[in-house]
Amino acid sequence: ARKRRCGWFDAVLVRQTIKISGINAIALTKLDVLDELDEIK
């Protein structure tokens, strides 16, 4: 039940984990959380 730290999407990190892991594709979750934002980084 600890509060999670939140931040912008880190494409550098995800690209790295994809290469390390041989990931074929991603399932993108919680897109709706970004609905109210004026700008997304």
Full PDB file with SEQRES, HELIX, SHEET, SSBOND, CRYST1, ORIGX, SCALE, CONECT and MASTER records, all heavy atoms in Angstrom:
SEQRES   1 A   41  ALA ARG LYS ARG ARG CYS GLY TRP PHE ASP ALA VAL LEU          
SEQRES   2 A   41  VAL ARG GLN THR ILE LYS ILE SER GLY ILE ASN ALA ILE          
SEQRES   3 A   41  ALA LEU THR LYS LEU ASP VAL LEU ASP GLU LEU ASP GLU          
SEQRES   4 A   41  ILE LYS                                                      
HELIX    1 AA1 ALA A   11  SER A   21  1                                  11    
HELIX    2 AA2 LEU A   31  LEU A   34  5                                   4    
CRYST1    1.000    1.000    1.000  90.00  90.00  90.00 P 1           1          
ORIGX1      1.000000  0.000000  0.000000        0.00000                         
ORIGX2      0.000000  1.000000  0.000000        0.00000                         
ORIGX3      0.000000  0.000000  1.000000        0.00000                         
SCALE1      1.000000  0.000000  0.000000        0.00000                         
SCALE2      0.000000  1.000000  0.000000        0.00000                         
SCALE3      0.000000  0.000000  1.000000        0.00000                         
ATOM      1  N   ALA A   1       0.821  -1.223   0.000  1.00  0.00           N  
ATOM      2  CA  ALA A   1       0.000   0.000   0.000  1.00  0.00           C  
ATOM      3  C   ALA A   1       0.853   1.271   0.000  1.00  0.00           C  
ATOM      4  O   ALA A   1       0.340   2.372   0.215  1.00  0.00           O  
ATOM      5  CB  ALA A   1      -0.984   0.022   1.170  1.00  0.00           C  
ATOM      6  N   ARG A   2       2.167   1.123  -0.232  1.00  0.00           N  
ATOM      7  CA  ARG A   2       3.029   2.292  -0.311  1.00  0.00           C  
ATOM      8  C   ARG A   2       2.699   3.125  -1.547  1.00  0.00           C  
ATOM      9  O   ARG A   2       2.401   2.587  -2.607  1.00  0.00           O  
ATOM     10  CB  ARG A   2       4.501   1.879  -0.351  1.00  0.00           C  
ATOM     11  CG  ARG A   2       5.029   1.326   0.955  1.00  0.00           C  
ATOM     12  CD  ARG A   2       6.515   1.011   0.856  1.00  0.00           C  
ATOM     13  NE  ARG A   2       6.787  -0.043  -0.095  1.00  0.00           N  
ATOM     14  CZ  ARG A   2       8.002  -0.501  -0.388  1.00  0.00           C  
ATOM     15  NH1 ARG A   2       9.058   0.026   0.210  1.00  0.00           N  
ATOM     16  NH2 ARG A   2       8.157  -1.472  -1.268  1.00  0.00           N  
ATOM     17  N   LYS A   3       2.791   4.438  -1.388  1.00  0.00           N  
ATOM     18  CA  LYS A   3       2.557   5.349  -2.499  1.00  0.00           C  
ATOM     19  C   LYS A   3       3.671   5.203  -3.520  1.00  0.00           C  
ATOM     20  O   LYS A   3       4.849   5.194  -3.188  1.00  0.00           O  
ATOM     21  CB  LYS A   3       2.498   6.788  -1.987  1.00  0.00           C  
ATOM     22  CG  LYS A   3       2.121   7.825  -3.029  1.00  0.00           C  
ATOM     23  CD  LYS A   3       2.042   9.202  -2.400  1.00  0.00           C  
ATOM     24  CE  LYS A   3       1.683  10.258  -3.436  1.00  0.00           C  
ATOM     25  NZ  LYS A   3       1.618  11.611  -2.826  1.00  0.00           N  
ATOM     26  N   ARG A   4       3.302   5.065  -4.792  1.00  0.00           N  
ATOM     27  CA  ARG A   4       4.295   4.943  -5.850  1.00  0.00           C  
ATOM     28  C   ARG A   4       4.781   6.310  -6.311  1.00  0.00           C  
ATOM     29  O   ARG A   4       4.005   7.256  -6.402  1.00  0.00           O  
ATOM     30  CB  ARG A   4       3.711   4.186  -7.048  1.00  0.00           C  
ATOM     31  CG  ARG A   4       3.362   2.744  -6.749  1.00  0.00           C  
ATOM     32  CD  ARG A   4       2.617   2.084  -7.898  1.00  0.00           C  
ATOM     33  NE  ARG A   4       2.164   0.744  -7.535  1.00  0.00           N  
ATOM     34  CZ  ARG A   4       1.037   0.197  -7.954  1.00  0.00           C  
ATOM     35  NH1 ARG A   4       0.242   0.876  -8.759  1.00  0.00           N  
ATOM     36  NH2 ARG A   4       0.699  -1.021  -7.564  1.00  0.00           N  
ATOM     37  N   ARG A   5       6.049   6.409  -6.588  1.00  0.00           N  
ATOM     38  CA  ARG A   5       6.614   7.603  -7.196  1.00  0.00           C  
ATOM     39  C   ARG A   5       6.215   7.626  -8.678  1.00  0.00           C  
ATOM     40  O   ARG A   5       6.220   6.587  -9.334  1.00  0.00           O  
ATOM     41  CB  ARG A   5       8.139   7.577  -7.050  1.00  0.00           C  
ATOM     42  CG  ARG A   5       8.585   7.511  -5.599  1.00  0.00           C  
ATOM     43  CD  ARG A   5       9.947   6.856  -5.426  1.00  0.00           C  
ATOM     44  NE  ARG A   5      11.012   7.612  -6.079  1.00  0.00           N  
ATOM     45  CZ  ARG A   5      12.242   7.135  -6.244  1.00  0.00           C  
ATOM     46  NH1 ARG A   5      12.574   5.894  -5.832  1.00  0.00           N  
ATOM     47  NH2 ARG A   5      13.170   7.873  -6.825  1.00  0.00           N  
ATOM     48  N   CYS A   6       5.881   8.781  -9.212  1.00  0.00           N  
ATOM     49  CA  CYS A   6       5.377   8.875 -10.583  1.00  0.00           C  
ATOM     50  C   CYS A   6       6.211   9.836 -11.420  1.00  0.00           C  
ATOM     51  O   CYS A   6       6.748  10.821 -10.899  1.00  0.00           O  
ATOM     52  CB  CYS A   6       3.921   9.352 -10.589  1.00  0.00           C  
ATOM     53  SG  CYS A   6       2.757   8.257  -9.742  1.00  0.00           S  
ATOM     54  N   GLY A   7       6.311   9.558 -12.714  1.00  0.00           N  
ATOM     55  CA  GLY A   7       7.045  10.431 -13.615  1.00  0.00           C  
ATOM     56  C   GLY A   7       6.681  10.188 -15.066  1.00  0.00           C  
ATOM     57  O   GLY A   7       5.877   9.304 -15.398  1.00  0.00           O  
ATOM     58  N   TRP A   8       7.285  10.961 -15.952  1.00  0.00           N  
ATOM     59  CA  TRP A   8       7.036  10.820 -17.384  1.00  0.00           C  
ATOM     60  C   TRP A   8       7.568   9.488 -17.906  1.00  0.00           C  
ATOM     61  O   TRP A   8       8.457   8.874 -17.308  1.00  0.00           O  
ATOM     62  CB  TRP A   8       7.691  11.954 -18.154  1.00  0.00           C  
ATOM     63  CG  TRP A   8       7.125  13.321 -17.912  1.00  0.00           C  
ATOM     64  CD1 TRP A   8       7.797  14.416 -17.435  1.00  0.00           C  
ATOM     65  CD2 TRP A   8       5.778  13.762 -18.131  1.00  0.00           C  
ATOM     66  NE1 TRP A   8       6.969  15.507 -17.341  1.00  0.00           N  
ATOM     67  CE2 TRP A   8       5.704  15.128 -17.765  1.00  0.00           C  
ATOM     68  CE3 TRP A   8       4.612  13.135 -18.595  1.00  0.00           C  
ATOM     69  CZ2 TRP A   8       4.547  15.880 -17.846  1.00  0.00           C  
ATOM     70  CZ3 TRP A   8       3.447  13.883 -18.676  1.00  0.00           C  
ATOM     71  CH2 TRP A   8       3.413  15.227 -18.314  1.00  0.00           C  
ATOM     72  N   PHE A   9       7.041   9.085 -19.054  1.00  0.00           N  
ATOM     73  CA  PHE A   9       7.496   7.850 -19.695  1.00  0.00           C  
ATOM     74  C   PHE A   9       8.967   7.978 -20.072  1.00  0.00           C  
ATOM     75  O   PHE A   9       9.392   8.939 -20.709  1.00  0.00           O  
ATOM     76  CB  PHE A   9       6.654   7.559 -20.940  1.00  0.00           C  
ATOM     77  CG  PHE A   9       7.007   6.263 -21.606  1.00  0.00           C  
ATOM     78  CD1 PHE A   9       6.495   5.072 -21.135  1.00  0.00           C  
ATOM     79  CD2 PHE A   9       7.865   6.226 -22.692  1.00  0.00           C  
ATOM     80  CE1 PHE A   9       6.827   3.866 -21.736  1.00  0.00           C  
ATOM     81  CE2 PHE A   9       8.197   5.029 -23.306  1.00  0.00           C  
ATOM     82  CZ  PHE A   9       7.672   3.847 -22.828  1.00  0.00           C  
ATOM     83  N   ASP A  10       9.750   6.970 -19.683  1.00  0.00           N  
ATOM     84  CA  ASP A  10      11.183   6.946 -19.968  1.00  0.00           C  
ATOM     85  C   ASP A  10      11.441   5.953 -21.095  1.00  0.00           C  
ATOM     86  O   ASP A  10      11.564   4.753 -20.869  1.00  0.00           O  
ATOM     87  CB  ASP A  10      11.971   6.569 -18.716  1.00  0.00           C  
ATOM     88  CG  ASP A  10      13.458   6.851 -18.851  1.00  0.00           C  
ATOM     89  OD1 ASP A  10      13.968   6.766 -19.981  1.00  0.00           O  
ATOM     90  OD2 ASP A  10      14.108   7.152 -17.829  1.00  0.00           O  
ATOM     91  N   ALA A  11      11.519   6.481 -22.331  1.00  0.00           N  
ATOM     92  CA  ALA A  11      11.723   5.627 -23.496  1.00  0.00           C  
ATOM     93  C   ALA A  11      13.127   5.028 -23.533  1.00  0.00           C  
ATOM     94  O   ALA A  11      13.328   3.945 -24.091  1.00  0.00           O  
ATOM     95  CB  ALA A  11      11.454   6.422 -24.775  1.00  0.00           C  
ATOM     96  N   VAL A  12      14.089   5.709 -22.923  1.00  0.00           N  
ATOM     97  CA  VAL A  12      15.465   5.196 -22.887  1.00  0.00           C  
ATOM     98  C   VAL A  12      15.515   3.895 -22.090  1.00  0.00           C  
ATOM     99  O   VAL A  12      16.093   2.893 -22.525  1.00  0.00           O  
ATOM    100  CB  VAL A  12      16.425   6.236 -22.277  1.00  0.00           C  
ATOM    101  CG1 VAL A  12      17.850   5.679 -22.247  1.00  0.00           C  
ATOM    102  CG2 VAL A  12      16.375   7.538 -23.053  1.00  0.00           C  
ATOM    103  N   LEU A  13      14.876   3.907 -20.919  1.00  0.00           N  
ATOM    104  CA  LEU A  13      14.880   2.728 -20.066  1.00  0.00           C  
ATOM    105  C   LEU A  13      14.132   1.565 -20.709  1.00  0.00           C  
ATOM    106  O   LEU A  13      14.610   0.429 -20.696  1.00  0.00           O  
ATOM    107  CB  LEU A  13      14.251   3.051 -18.704  1.00  0.00           C  
ATOM    108  CG  LEU A  13      15.078   3.870 -17.724  1.00  0.00           C  
ATOM    109  CD1 LEU A  13      14.315   4.046 -16.425  1.00  0.00           C  
ATOM    110  CD2 LEU A  13      16.410   3.209 -17.461  1.00  0.00           C  
ATOM    111  N   VAL A  14      12.958   1.848 -21.253  1.00  0.00           N  
ATOM    112  CA  VAL A  14      12.150   0.776 -21.836  1.00  0.00           C  
ATOM    113  C   VAL A  14      12.838   0.187 -23.062  1.00  0.00           C  
ATOM    114  O   VAL A  14      12.829  -1.029 -23.273  1.00  0.00           O  
ATOM    115  CB  VAL A  14      10.729   1.274 -22.168  1.00  0.00           C  
ATOM    116  CG1 VAL A  14       9.939   0.194 -22.902  1.00  0.00           C  
ATOM    117  CG2 VAL A  14      10.003   1.679 -20.891  1.00  0.00           C  
ATOM    118  N   ARG A  15      13.457   1.033 -23.882  1.00  0.00           N  
ATOM    119  CA  ARG A  15      14.201   0.517 -25.034  1.00  0.00           C  
ATOM    120  C   ARG A  15      15.321  -0.417 -24.569  1.00  0.00           C  
ATOM    121  O   ARG A  15      15.575  -1.464 -25.173  1.00  0.00           O  
ATOM    122  CB  ARG A  15      14.775   1.674 -25.846  1.00  0.00           C  
ATOM    123  CG  ARG A  15      15.562   1.228 -27.092  1.00  0.00           C  
ATOM    124  CD  ARG A  15      15.992   2.450 -27.897  1.00  0.00           C  
ATOM    125  NE  ARG A  15      16.855   3.315 -27.107  1.00  0.00           N  
ATOM    126  CZ  ARG A  15      16.958   4.611 -27.309  1.00  0.00           C  
ATOM    127  NH1 ARG A  15      16.269   5.194 -28.270  1.00  0.00           N  
ATOM    128  NH2 ARG A  15      17.766   5.348 -26.551  1.00  0.00           N  
ATOM    129  N   GLN A  16      15.964  -0.060 -23.467  1.00  0.00           N  
ATOM    130  CA  GLN A  16      17.044  -0.887 -22.931  1.00  0.00           C  
ATOM    131  C   GLN A  16      16.520  -2.225 -22.422  1.00  0.00           C  
ATOM    132  O   GLN A  16      17.117  -3.270 -22.695  1.00  0.00           O  
ATOM    133  CB  GLN A  16      17.760  -0.132 -21.804  1.00  0.00           C  
ATOM    134  CG  GLN A  16      18.975  -0.866 -21.232  1.00  0.00           C  
ATOM    135  CD  GLN A  16      19.868   0.061 -20.434  1.00  0.00           C  
ATOM    136  OE1 GLN A  16      20.035   1.226 -20.761  1.00  0.00           O  
ATOM    137  NE2 GLN A  16      20.482  -0.456 -19.365  1.00  0.00           N  
ATOM    138  N   THR A  17      15.419  -2.218 -21.688  1.00  0.00           N  
ATOM    139  CA  THR A  17      14.875  -3.478 -21.174  1.00  0.00           C  
ATOM    140  C   THR A  17      14.368  -4.365 -22.305  1.00  0.00           C  
ATOM    141  O   THR A  17      14.448  -5.591 -22.221  1.00  0.00           O  
ATOM    142  CB  THR A  17      13.750  -3.240 -20.157  1.00  0.00           C  
ATOM    143  OG1 THR A  17      12.646  -2.539 -20.774  1.00  0.00           O  
ATOM    144  CG2 THR A  17      14.240  -2.425 -18.972  1.00  0.00           C  
ATOM    145  N   ILE A  18      13.872  -3.753 -23.362  1.00  0.00           N  
ATOM    146  CA  ILE A  18      13.421  -4.516 -24.530  1.00  0.00           C  
ATOM    147  C   ILE A  18      14.594  -5.244 -25.178  1.00  0.00           C  
ATOM    148  O   ILE A  18      14.498  -6.420 -25.537  1.00  0.00           O  
ATOM    149  CB  ILE A  18      12.712  -3.592 -25.538  1.00  0.00           C  
ATOM    150  CG1 ILE A  18      11.314  -3.231 -25.013  1.00  0.00           C  
ATOM    151  CG2 ILE A  18      12.614  -4.239 -26.921  1.00  0.00           C  
ATOM    152  CD1 ILE A  18      10.628  -2.135 -25.791  1.00  0.00           C  
ATOM    153  N   LYS A  19      15.721  -4.558 -25.313  1.00  0.00           N  
ATOM    154  CA  LYS A  19      16.893  -5.168 -25.932  1.00  0.00           C  
ATOM    155  C   LYS A  19      17.480  -6.263 -25.041  1.00  0.00           C  
ATOM    156  O   LYS A  19      17.901  -7.314 -25.540  1.00  0.00           O  
ATOM    157  CB  LYS A  19      17.937  -4.093 -26.234  1.00  0.00           C  
ATOM    158  CG  LYS A  19      17.496  -3.097 -27.309  1.00  0.00           C  
ATOM    159  CD  LYS A  19      18.575  -2.072 -27.596  1.00  0.00           C  
ATOM    160  CE  LYS A  19      18.105  -1.041 -28.622  1.00  0.00           C  
ATOM    161  NZ  LYS A  19      17.800  -1.640 -29.943  1.00  0.00           N  
ATOM    162  N   ILE A  20      17.514  -6.023 -23.730  1.00  0.00           N  
ATOM    163  CA  ILE A  20      18.038  -7.006 -22.791  1.00  0.00           C  
ATOM    164  C   ILE A  20      17.175  -8.266 -22.770  1.00  0.00           C  
ATOM    165  O   ILE A  20      17.684  -9.384 -22.663  1.00  0.00           O  
ATOM    166  CB  ILE A  20      18.110  -6.404 -21.370  1.00  0.00           C  
ATOM    167  CG1 ILE A  20      19.239  -5.379 -21.294  1.00  0.00           C  
ATOM    168  CG2 ILE A  20      18.301  -7.493 -20.308  1.00  0.00           C  
ATOM    169  CD1 ILE A  20      19.210  -4.552 -20.026  1.00  0.00           C  
ATOM    170  N   SER A  21      15.884  -8.094 -22.911  1.00  0.00           N  
ATOM    171  CA  SER A  21      14.933  -9.179 -22.685  1.00  0.00           C  
ATOM    172  C   SER A  21      14.436  -9.877 -23.938  1.00  0.00           C  
ATOM    173  O   SER A  21      13.780 -10.911 -23.854  1.00  0.00           O  
ATOM    174  CB  SER A  21      13.721  -8.642 -21.910  1.00  0.00           C  
ATOM    175  OG  SER A  21      14.120  -8.055 -20.704  1.00  0.00           O  
ATOM    176  N   GLY A  22      14.707  -9.305 -25.110  1.00  0.00           N  
ATOM    177  CA  GLY A  22      14.184  -9.908 -26.322  1.00  0.00           C  
ATOM    178  C   GLY A  22      12.675  -9.785 -26.448  1.00  0.00           C  
ATOM    179  O   GLY A  22      12.014 -10.662 -27.025  1.00  0.00           O  
ATOM    180  N   ILE A  23      12.131  -8.702 -25.900  1.00  0.00           N  
ATOM    181  CA  ILE A  23      10.687  -8.488 -25.939  1.00  0.00           C  
ATOM    182  C   ILE A  23      10.211  -8.326 -27.385  1.00  0.00           C  
ATOM    183  O   ILE A  23      10.777  -7.554 -28.158  1.00  0.00           O  
ATOM    184  CB  ILE A  23      10.309  -7.252 -25.098  1.00  0.00           C  
ATOM    185  CG1 ILE A  23      10.461  -7.578 -23.602  1.00  0.00           C  
ATOM    186  CG2 ILE A  23       8.899  -6.766 -25.397  1.00  0.00           C  
ATOM    187  CD1 ILE A  23      10.312  -6.389 -22.684  1.00  0.00           C  
ATOM    188  N   ASN A  24       9.170  -9.070 -27.759  1.00  0.00           N  
ATOM    189  CA  ASN A  24       8.614  -9.001 -29.107  1.00  0.00           C  
ATOM    190  C   ASN A  24       7.690  -7.811 -29.307  1.00  0.00           C  
ATOM    191  O   ASN A  24       7.646  -7.206 -30.383  1.00  0.00           O  
ATOM    192  CB  ASN A  24       7.843 -10.283 -29.429  1.00  0.00           C  
ATOM    193  CG  ASN A  24       8.744 -11.502 -29.455  1.00  0.00           C  
ATOM    194  OD1 ASN A  24       8.789 -12.281 -28.501  1.00  0.00           O  
ATOM    195  ND2 ASN A  24       9.474 -11.700 -30.548  1.00  0.00           N  
ATOM    196  N   ALA A  25       6.936  -7.485 -28.275  1.00  0.00           N  
ATOM    197  CA  ALA A  25       5.994  -6.366 -28.351  1.00  0.00           C  
ATOM    198  C   ALA A  25       5.617  -5.965 -26.927  1.00  0.00           C  
ATOM    199  O   ALA A  25       5.856  -6.706 -25.972  1.00  0.00           O  
ATOM    200  CB  ALA A  25       4.747  -6.738 -29.150  1.00  0.00           C  
ATOM    201  N   ILE A  26       5.015  -4.781 -26.810  1.00  0.00           N  
ATOM    202  CA  ILE A  26       4.584  -4.331 -25.483  1.00  0.00           C  
ATOM    203  C   ILE A  26       3.065  -4.229 -25.423  1.00  0.00           C  
ATOM    204  O   ILE A  26       2.392  -3.999 -26.436  1.00  0.00           O  
ATOM    205  CB  ILE A  26       5.207  -2.972 -25.096  1.00  0.00           C  
ATOM    206  CG1 ILE A  26       4.686  -1.854 -25.993  1.00  0.00           C  
ATOM    207  CG2 ILE A  26       6.720  -3.046 -25.097  1.00  0.00           C  
ATOM    208  CD1 ILE A  26       4.939  -0.464 -25.427  1.00  0.00           C  
ATOM    209  N   ALA A  27       2.543  -4.424 -24.231  1.00  0.00           N  
ATOM    210  CA  ALA A  27       1.151  -4.125 -23.924  1.00  0.00           C  
ATOM    211  C   ALA A  27       1.153  -2.812 -23.166  1.00  0.00           C  
ATOM    212  O   ALA A  27       1.672  -2.735 -22.048  1.00  0.00           O  
ATOM    213  CB  ALA A  27       0.528  -5.238 -23.091  1.00  0.00           C  
ATOM    214  N   LEU A  28       0.636  -1.769 -23.753  1.00  0.00           N  
ATOM    215  CA  LEU A  28       0.657  -0.435 -23.160  1.00  0.00           C  
ATOM    216  C   LEU A  28      -0.542  -0.273 -22.234  1.00  0.00           C  
ATOM    217  O   LEU A  28      -1.688  -0.424 -22.654  1.00  0.00           O  
ATOM    218  CB  LEU A  28       0.630   0.633 -24.256  1.00  0.00           C  
ATOM    219  CG  LEU A  28       0.883   2.077 -23.811  1.00  0.00           C  
ATOM    220  CD1 LEU A  28       2.303   2.250 -23.290  1.00  0.00           C  
ATOM    221  CD2 LEU A  28       0.620   3.046 -24.966  1.00  0.00           C  
ATOM    222  N   THR A  29      -0.296   0.033 -20.967  1.00  0.00           N  
ATOM    223  CA  THR A  29      -1.361   0.125 -19.976  1.00  0.00           C  
ATOM    224  C   THR A  29      -1.541   1.561 -19.479  1.00  0.00           C  
ATOM    225  O   THR A  29      -0.667   2.405 -19.619  1.00  0.00           O  
ATOM    226  CB  THR A  29      -1.071  -0.787 -18.767  1.00  0.00           C  
ATOM    227  OG1 THR A  29       0.107  -0.328 -18.086  1.00  0.00           O  
ATOM    228  CG2 THR A  29      -0.873  -2.229 -19.212  1.00  0.00           C  
ATOM    229  N   LYS A  30      -2.702   1.800 -18.912  1.00  0.00           N  
ATOM    230  CA  LYS A  30      -3.047   3.058 -18.233  1.00  0.00           C  
ATOM    231  C   LYS A  30      -2.926   4.290 -19.129  1.00  0.00           C  
ATOM    232  O   LYS A  30      -2.571   5.379 -18.655  1.00  0.00           O  
ATOM    233  CB  LYS A  30      -2.209   3.227 -16.964  1.00  0.00           C  
ATOM    234  CG  LYS A  30      -2.554   2.209 -15.876  1.00  0.00           C  
ATOM    235  CD  LYS A  30      -2.075   2.630 -14.525  1.00  0.00           C  
ATOM    236  CE  LYS A  30      -2.597   1.716 -13.420  1.00  0.00           C  
ATOM    237  NZ  LYS A  30      -2.232   2.170 -12.055  1.00  0.00           N  
ATOM    238  N   LEU A  31      -3.234   4.130 -20.399  1.00  0.00           N  
ATOM    239  CA  LEU A  31      -3.248   5.288 -21.291  1.00  0.00           C  
ATOM    240  C   LEU A  31      -4.242   6.336 -20.815  1.00  0.00           C  
ATOM    241  O   LEU A  31      -3.992   7.545 -20.938  1.00  0.00           O  
ATOM    242  CB  LEU A  31      -3.593   4.844 -22.712  1.00  0.00           C  
ATOM    243  CG  LEU A  31      -3.574   5.949 -23.778  1.00  0.00           C  
ATOM    244  CD1 LEU A  31      -2.147   6.401 -24.054  1.00  0.00           C  
ATOM    245  CD2 LEU A  31      -4.262   5.484 -25.067  1.00  0.00           C  
ATOM    246  N   ASP A  32      -5.367   5.891 -20.265  1.00  0.00           N  
ATOM    247  CA  ASP A  32      -6.428   6.802 -19.842  1.00  0.00           C  
ATOM    248  C   ASP A  32      -6.012   7.740 -18.719  1.00  0.00           C  
ATOM    249  O   ASP A  32      -6.632   8.797 -18.531  1.00  0.00           O  
ATOM    250  CB  ASP A  32      -7.670   6.007 -19.417  1.00  0.00           C  
ATOM    251  CG  ASP A  32      -7.366   4.983 -18.337  1.00  0.00           C  
ATOM    252  OD1 ASP A  32      -6.555   4.079 -18.600  1.00  0.00           O  
ATOM    253  OD2 ASP A  32      -7.938   5.080 -17.225  1.00  0.00           O  
ATOM    254  N   VAL A  33      -4.955   7.387 -17.968  1.00  0.00           N  
ATOM    255  CA  VAL A  33      -4.484   8.241 -16.877  1.00  0.00           C  
ATOM    256  C   VAL A  33      -3.980   9.586 -17.411  1.00  0.00           C  
ATOM    257  O   VAL A  33      -4.018  10.602 -16.720  1.00  0.00           O  
ATOM    258  CB  VAL A  33      -3.385   7.519 -16.073  1.00  0.00           C  
ATOM    259  CG1 VAL A  33      -2.767   8.435 -15.018  1.00  0.00           C  
ATOM    260  CG2 VAL A  33      -3.961   6.265 -15.398  1.00  0.00           C  
ATOM    261  N   LEU A  34      -3.544   9.604 -18.680  1.00  0.00           N  
ATOM    262  CA  LEU A  34      -2.998  10.822 -19.282  1.00  0.00           C  
ATOM    263  C   LEU A  34      -4.069  11.728 -19.888  1.00  0.00           C  
ATOM    264  O   LEU A  34      -3.742  12.800 -20.424  1.00  0.00           O  
ATOM    265  CB  LEU A  34      -1.982  10.449 -20.375  1.00  0.00           C  
ATOM    266  CG  LEU A  34      -0.836   9.500 -19.972  1.00  0.00           C  
ATOM    267  CD1 LEU A  34       0.040   9.207 -21.181  1.00  0.00           C  
ATOM    268  CD2 LEU A  34      -0.026  10.081 -18.838  1.00  0.00           C  
ATOM    269  N   ASP A  35      -5.334  11.344 -19.804  1.00  0.00           N  
ATOM    270  CA  ASP A  35      -6.412  12.032 -20.530  1.00  0.00           C  
ATOM    271  C   ASP A  35      -6.525  13.522 -20.227  1.00  0.00           C  
ATOM    272  O   ASP A  35      -6.883  14.308 -21.111  1.00  0.00           O  
ATOM    273  CB  ASP A  35      -7.767  11.365 -20.238  1.00  0.00           C  
ATOM    274  CG  ASP A  35      -7.936  10.030 -20.951  1.00  0.00           C  
ATOM    275  OD1 ASP A  35      -7.072   9.693 -21.776  1.00  0.00           O  
ATOM    276  OD2 ASP A  35      -8.931   9.324 -20.668  1.00  0.00           O  
ATOM    277  N   GLU A  36      -6.279  13.940 -19.010  1.00  0.00           N  
ATOM    278  CA  GLU A  36      -6.542  15.320 -18.601  1.00  0.00           C  
ATOM    279  C   GLU A  36      -5.356  16.263 -18.774  1.00  0.00           C  
ATOM    280  O   GLU A  36      -5.479  17.466 -18.521  1.00  0.00           O  
ATOM    281  CB  GLU A  36      -6.997  15.355 -17.137  1.00  0.00           C  
ATOM    282  CG  GLU A  36      -8.327  14.639 -16.882  1.00  0.00           C  
ATOM    283  CD  GLU A  36      -8.750  14.707 -15.434  1.00  0.00           C  
ATOM    284  OE1 GLU A  36      -7.976  15.264 -14.614  1.00  0.00           O  
ATOM    285  OE2 GLU A  36      -9.848  14.208 -15.105  1.00  0.00           O  
ATOM    286  N   LEU A  37      -4.224  15.753 -19.215  1.00  0.00           N  
ATOM    287  CA  LEU A  37      -3.016  16.563 -19.281  1.00  0.00           C  
ATOM    288  C   LEU A  37      -2.960  17.425 -20.538  1.00  0.00           C  
ATOM    289  O   LEU A  37      -3.270  16.963 -21.638  1.00  0.00           O  
ATOM    290  CB  LEU A  37      -1.774  15.675 -19.222  1.00  0.00           C  
ATOM    291  CG  LEU A  37      -1.620  14.813 -17.957  1.00  0.00           C  
ATOM    292  CD1 LEU A  37      -0.385  13.935 -18.064  1.00  0.00           C  
ATOM    293  CD2 LEU A  37      -1.551  15.688 -16.708  1.00  0.00           C  
ATOM    294  N   ASP A  38      -2.541  18.682 -20.381  1.00  0.00           N  
ATOM    295  CA  ASP A  38      -2.386  19.591 -21.519  1.00  0.00           C  
ATOM    296  C   ASP A  38      -1.176  19.215 -22.370  1.00  0.00           C  
ATOM    297  O   ASP A  38      -1.202  19.318 -23.592  1.00  0.00           O  
ATOM    298  CB  ASP A  38      -2.220  21.039 -21.034  1.00  0.00           C  
ATOM    299  CG  ASP A  38      -3.462  21.565 -20.334  1.00  0.00           C  
ATOM    300  OD1 ASP A  38      -4.562  21.385 -20.875  1.00  0.00           O  
ATOM    301  OD2 ASP A  38      -3.324  22.133 -19.229  1.00  0.00           O  
ATOM    302  N   GLU A  39      -0.130  18.795 -21.694  1.00  0.00           N  
ATOM    303  CA  GLU A  39       1.125  18.440 -22.352  1.00  0.00           C  
ATOM    304  C   GLU A  39       1.645  17.141 -21.761  1.00  0.00           C  
ATOM    305  O   GLU A  39       1.546  16.905 -20.564  1.00  0.00           O  
ATOM    306  CB  GLU A  39       2.154  19.557 -22.168  1.00  0.00           C  
ATOM    307  CG  GLU A  39       3.492  19.293 -22.831  1.00  0.00           C  
ATOM    308  CD  GLU A  39       4.526  20.359 -22.499  1.00  0.00           C  
ATOM    309  OE1 GLU A  39       4.552  20.828 -21.333  1.00  0.00           O  
ATOM    310  OE2 GLU A  39       5.307  20.723 -23.389  1.00  0.00           O  
ATOM    311  N   ILE A  40       2.198  16.292 -22.619  1.00  0.00           N  
ATOM    312  CA  ILE A  40       2.750  15.013 -22.185  1.00  0.00           C  
ATOM    313  C   ILE A  40       4.190  14.941 -22.662  1.00  0.00           C  
ATOM    314  O   ILE A  40       4.498  15.259 -23.814  1.00  0.00           O  
ATOM    315  CB  ILE A  40       1.920  13.843 -22.758  1.00  0.00           C  
ATOM    316  CG1 ILE A  40       0.482  13.924 -22.231  1.00  0.00           C  
ATOM    317  CG2 ILE A  40       2.545  12.505 -22.377  1.00  0.00           C  
ATOM    318  CD1 ILE A  40      -0.481  13.029 -22.956  1.00  0.00           C  
ATOM    319  N   LYS A  41       5.070  14.507 -21.772  1.00  0.00           N  
ATOM    320  CA  LYS A  41       6.485  14.447 -22.118  1.00  0.00           C  
ATOM    321  C   LYS A  41       6.987  13.001 -22.113  1.00  0.00           C  
ATOM    322  O   LYS A  41       6.467  12.145 -21.408  1.00  0.00           O  
ATOM    323  CB  LYS A  41       7.310  15.295 -21.153  1.00  0.00           C  
ATOM    324  CG  LYS A  41       7.018  16.788 -21.249  1.00  0.00           C  
ATOM    325  CD  LYS A  41       7.900  17.578 -20.302  1.00  0.00           C  
ATOM    326  CE  LYS A  41       7.614  19.067 -20.401  1.00  0.00           C  
ATOM    327  NZ  LYS A  41       8.507  19.849 -19.495  1.00  0.00           N  
TER     328      LYS A  41                                                      
MASTER        0    0    0    2    0    0    0    6  327    1    0    4          
END                                                                             
